[in-house]
């Protein structure tokens, strides 16, 4: 099985020893994306909706760099620092995805890198 690293400057550079995504065969495994501006590497300002939009914009950029798109994502893991934001995250996700939606888990965590309120990782399968 072939394995290749996916990287794009349209999404934030990794802030640790990991790749933005790794393709193994027809499956692409995304590292978690937090709401960093790809141009500056800084956390975007704004509420949970603004942060969630930036996260999905980053995921979209990595998906496209891998030769796919958000509609090829089969699973997403969402991590939030406050489950009270669940409805807002759902509403923003619905701006980026249409039925049939990917499988998903949403987990409240005590903290995320750089003080982010949301992080999303994903798995995408290419045809």
C-alpha atoms as a PDB file:
ATOM      1  CA  UNK A   1       0.000   0.000   0.000  1.00  0.00           C
ATOM      2  CA  UNK A   2       1.300   3.428  -0.880  1.00  0.00           C
ATOM      3  CA  UNK A   3       1.644   6.083   1.815  1.00  0.00           C
ATOM      4  CA  UNK A   4       2.059   9.780   1.134  1.00  0.00           C
ATOM      5  CA  UNK A   5       2.095  12.951   3.185  1.00  0.00           C
ATOM      6  CA  UNK A   6      -0.460  15.636   2.359  1.00  0.00           C
ATOM      7  CA  UNK A   7       0.593  19.245   2.884  1.00  0.00           C
ATOM      8  CA  UNK A   8      -0.781  22.590   1.739  1.00  0.00           C
ATOM      9  CA  UNK A   9      -0.038  26.180   2.596  1.00  0.00           C
ATOM     10  CA  UNK A  10      -3.798  26.852   2.369  1.00  0.00           C
ATOM     11  CA  UNK A  11      -4.138  25.267   5.826  1.00  0.00           C
ATOM     12  CA  UNK A  12      -2.036  25.984   8.921  1.00  0.00           C
ATOM     13  CA  UNK A  13       1.331  24.305   9.189  1.00  0.00           C
ATOM     14  CA  UNK A  14       1.602  21.605  11.838  1.00  0.00           C
ATOM     15  CA  UNK A  15       2.492  22.953  15.288  1.00  0.00           C
ATOM     16  CA  UNK A  16       4.113  19.692  16.335  1.00  0.00           C
ATOM     17  CA  UNK A  17       5.689  16.529  14.958  1.00  0.00           C
ATOM     18  CA  UNK A  18       2.800  15.478  12.697  1.00  0.00           C
ATOM     19  CA  UNK A  19       1.531  15.924   9.142  1.00  0.00           C
ATOM     20  CA  UNK A  20      -1.615  17.761   8.070  1.00  0.00           C
ATOM     21  CA  UNK A  21      -2.800  14.447   6.624  1.00  0.00           C
ATOM     22  CA  UNK A  22      -1.493  11.088   5.492  1.00  0.00           C
ATOM     23  CA  UNK A  23      -2.862   9.136   2.555  1.00  0.00           C
ATOM     24  CA  UNK A  24      -2.633   5.347   2.776  1.00  0.00           C
ATOM     25  CA  UNK A  25      -4.077   3.730  -0.320  1.00  0.00           C
ATOM     26  CA  UNK A  26      -7.409   5.445  -0.966  1.00  0.00           C
ATOM     27  CA  UNK A  27      -7.868   6.574   2.633  1.00  0.00           C
ATOM     28  CA  UNK A  28      -6.759   9.961   3.941  1.00  0.00           C
ATOM     29  CA  UNK A  29      -6.310  10.464   7.680  1.00  0.00           C
ATOM     30  CA  UNK A  30      -6.484  14.104   8.755  1.00  0.00           C
ATOM     31  CA  UNK A  31      -4.723  15.418  11.821  1.00  0.00           C
ATOM     32  CA  UNK A  32      -6.863  17.575  14.064  1.00  0.00           C
ATOM     33  CA  UNK A  33      -7.399  21.087  12.789  1.00  0.00           C
ATOM     34  CA  UNK A  34      -7.845  23.971  15.194  1.00  0.00           C
ATOM     35  CA  UNK A  35      -8.959  27.452  14.089  1.00  0.00           C
ATOM     36  CA  UNK A  36      -5.589  28.819  13.017  1.00  0.00           C
ATOM     37  CA  UNK A  37      -5.265  31.305  10.196  1.00  0.00           C
ATOM     38  CA  UNK A  38      -3.036  29.641   7.602  1.00  0.00           C
ATOM     39  CA  UNK A  39      -1.335  32.925   6.712  1.00  0.00           C
ATOM     40  CA  UNK A  40      -0.361  33.936  10.245  1.00  0.00           C
ATOM     41  CA  UNK A  41      -0.569  30.750  12.302  1.00  0.00           C
ATOM     42  CA  UNK A  42      -2.591  32.722  14.861  1.00  0.00           C
ATOM     43  CA  UNK A  43      -5.846  31.609  16.429  1.00  0.00           C
ATOM     44  CA  UNK A  44      -8.755  33.355  14.697  1.00  0.00           C
ATOM     45  CA  UNK A  45     -10.668  35.820  16.773  1.00  0.00           C
ATOM     46  CA  UNK A  46     -14.356  35.417  17.362  1.00  0.00           C
ATOM     47  CA  UNK A  47     -16.937  33.119  18.839  1.00  0.00           C
ATOM     48  CA  UNK A  48     -17.355  29.372  18.456  1.00  0.00           C
ATOM     49  CA  UNK A  49     -19.084  29.819  15.078  1.00  0.00           C
ATOM     50  CA  UNK A  50     -16.133  31.788  13.664  1.00  0.00           C
ATOM     51  CA  UNK A  51     -13.668  29.249  15.046  1.00  0.00           C
ATOM     52  CA  UNK A  52     -15.665  26.316  13.659  1.00  0.00           C
ATOM     53  CA  UNK A  53     -15.837  27.911  10.198  1.00  0.00           C
ATOM     54  CA  UNK A  54     -12.057  28.351  10.183  1.00  0.00           C
ATOM     55  CA  UNK A  55     -11.603  24.701  11.187  1.00  0.00           C
ATOM     56  CA  UNK A  56     -13.819  23.485   8.329  1.00  0.00           C
ATOM     57  CA  UNK A  57     -12.096  25.866   5.883  1.00  0.00           C
ATOM     58  CA  UNK A  58      -8.775  24.324   6.959  1.00  0.00           C
ATOM     59  CA  UNK A  59     -10.119  20.773   6.563  1.00  0.00           C
ATOM     60  CA  UNK A  60     -11.477  21.663   3.129  1.00  0.00           C
ATOM     61  CA  UNK A  61      -8.046  22.941   2.045  1.00  0.00           C
ATOM     62  CA  UNK A  62      -6.342  19.735   3.182  1.00  0.00           C
ATOM     63  CA  UNK A  63      -9.038  17.581   1.532  1.00  0.00           C
ATOM     64  CA  UNK A  64      -8.500  19.410  -1.753  1.00  0.00           C
ATOM     65  CA  UNK A  65      -4.719  19.054  -1.451  1.00  0.00           C
ATOM     66  CA  UNK A  66      -5.279  15.309  -1.140  1.00  0.00           C
ATOM     67  CA  UNK A  67      -7.397  15.252  -4.301  1.00  0.00           C
ATOM     68  CA  UNK A  68     -10.742  15.087  -2.530  1.00  0.00           C
ATOM     69  CA  UNK A  69     -13.400  17.292  -1.030  1.00  0.00           C
ATOM     70  CA  UNK A  70     -15.440  17.503   2.145  1.00  0.00           C
ATOM     71  CA  UNK A  71     -18.124  15.252   0.643  1.00  0.00           C
ATOM     72  CA  UNK A  72     -15.566  12.414   0.578  1.00  0.00           C
ATOM     73  CA  UNK A  73     -15.125  12.557   4.373  1.00  0.00           C
ATOM     74  CA  UNK A  74     -16.576   9.420   5.955  1.00  0.00           C
ATOM     75  CA  UNK A  75     -15.839  10.189   9.614  1.00  0.00           C
ATOM     76  CA  UNK A  76     -15.244  13.310  11.669  1.00  0.00           C
ATOM     77  CA  UNK A  77     -14.200  13.659  15.288  1.00  0.00           C
ATOM     78  CA  UNK A  78     -15.160  16.946  16.903  1.00  0.00           C
ATOM     79  CA  UNK A  79     -13.630  18.112  20.171  1.00  0.00           C
ATOM     80  CA  UNK A  80     -15.101  21.113  21.984  1.00  0.00           C
ATOM     81  CA  UNK A  81     -14.193  22.730  25.267  1.00  0.00           C
ATOM     82  CA  UNK A  82     -17.876  23.318  26.073  1.00  0.00           C
ATOM     83  CA  UNK A  83     -20.719  21.029  24.971  1.00  0.00           C
ATOM     84  CA  UNK A  84     -23.058  24.002  25.365  1.00  0.00           C
ATOM     85  CA  UNK A  85     -21.701  24.927  21.902  1.00  0.00           C
ATOM     86  CA  UNK A  86     -22.968  21.654  20.375  1.00  0.00           C
ATOM     87  CA  UNK A  87     -25.884  23.287  18.486  1.00  0.00           C
ATOM     88  CA  UNK A  88     -23.687  26.044  17.061  1.00  0.00           C
ATOM     89  CA  UNK A  89     -21.068  23.565  15.864  1.00  0.00           C
ATOM     90  CA  UNK A  90     -23.846  21.494  14.257  1.00  0.00           C
ATOM     91  CA  UNK A  91     -25.240  24.559  12.472  1.00  0.00           C
ATOM     92  CA  UNK A  92     -21.830  25.505  11.085  1.00  0.00           C
ATOM     93  CA  UNK A  93     -21.090  21.923  10.048  1.00  0.00           C
ATOM     94  CA  UNK A  94     -24.371  21.926   8.099  1.00  0.00           C
ATOM     95  CA  UNK A  95     -22.985  24.853   6.058  1.00  0.00           C
ATOM     96  CA  UNK A  96     -20.126  22.632   4.872  1.00  0.00           C
ATOM     97  CA  UNK A  97     -21.696  19.150   4.610  1.00  0.00           C
ATOM     98  CA  UNK A  98     -24.859  17.786   3.047  1.00  0.00           C
ATOM     99  CA  UNK A  99     -26.624  14.461   3.452  1.00  0.00           C
ATOM    100  CA  UNK A 100     -25.471  11.800   3.560  1.00  0.00           C
ATOM    101  CA  UNK A 101     -23.383  13.154   6.427  1.00  0.00           C
ATOM    102  CA  UNK A 102     -20.186  11.495   7.659  1.00  0.00           C
ATOM    103  CA  UNK A 103     -20.166   9.426  10.809  1.00  0.00           C
ATOM    104  CA  UNK A 104     -19.173  11.614  13.740  1.00  0.00           C
ATOM    105  CA  UNK A 105     -18.385  11.831  17.403  1.00  0.00           C
ATOM    106  CA  UNK A 106     -18.443  14.986  19.503  1.00  0.00           C
ATOM    107  CA  UNK A 107     -16.452  15.003  22.715  1.00  0.00           C
ATOM    108  CA  UNK A 108     -16.008  17.671  25.373  1.00  0.00           C
ATOM    109  CA  UNK A 109     -12.386  18.134  26.384  1.00  0.00           C
ATOM    110  CA  UNK A 110     -10.770  20.192  29.126  1.00  0.00           C
ATOM    111  CA  UNK A 111      -8.522  22.113  26.755  1.00  0.00           C
ATOM    112  CA  UNK A 112      -7.193  22.364  23.201  1.00  0.00           C
ATOM    113  CA  UNK A 113      -3.931  23.710  21.763  1.00  0.00           C
ATOM    114  CA  UNK A 114      -3.496  27.494  21.708  1.00  0.00           C
ATOM    115  CA  UNK A 115      -6.738  27.983  23.659  1.00  0.00           C
ATOM    116  CA  UNK A 116      -8.973  26.913  20.764  1.00  0.00           C
ATOM    117  CA  UNK A 117     -12.610  26.127  21.501  1.00  0.00           C
ATOM    118  CA  UNK A 118     -12.935  23.459  18.787  1.00  0.00           C
ATOM    119  CA  UNK A 119     -10.811  20.904  16.939  1.00  0.00           C
ATOM    120  CA  UNK A 120     -11.846  18.497  14.189  1.00  0.00           C
ATOM    121  CA  UNK A 121     -10.070  15.472  12.752  1.00  0.00           C
ATOM    122  CA  UNK A 122     -11.378  13.322   9.936  1.00  0.00           C
ATOM    123  CA  UNK A 123     -11.019  10.319   7.651  1.00  0.00           C
ATOM    124  CA  UNK A 124     -11.665  10.622   3.926  1.00  0.00           C
ATOM    125  CA  UNK A 125     -11.969   7.870   1.327  1.00  0.00           C
ATOM    126  CA  UNK A 126     -11.123   8.704  -2.277  1.00  0.00           C
ATOM    127  CA  UNK A 127     -12.698   6.869  -5.214  1.00  0.00           C
END
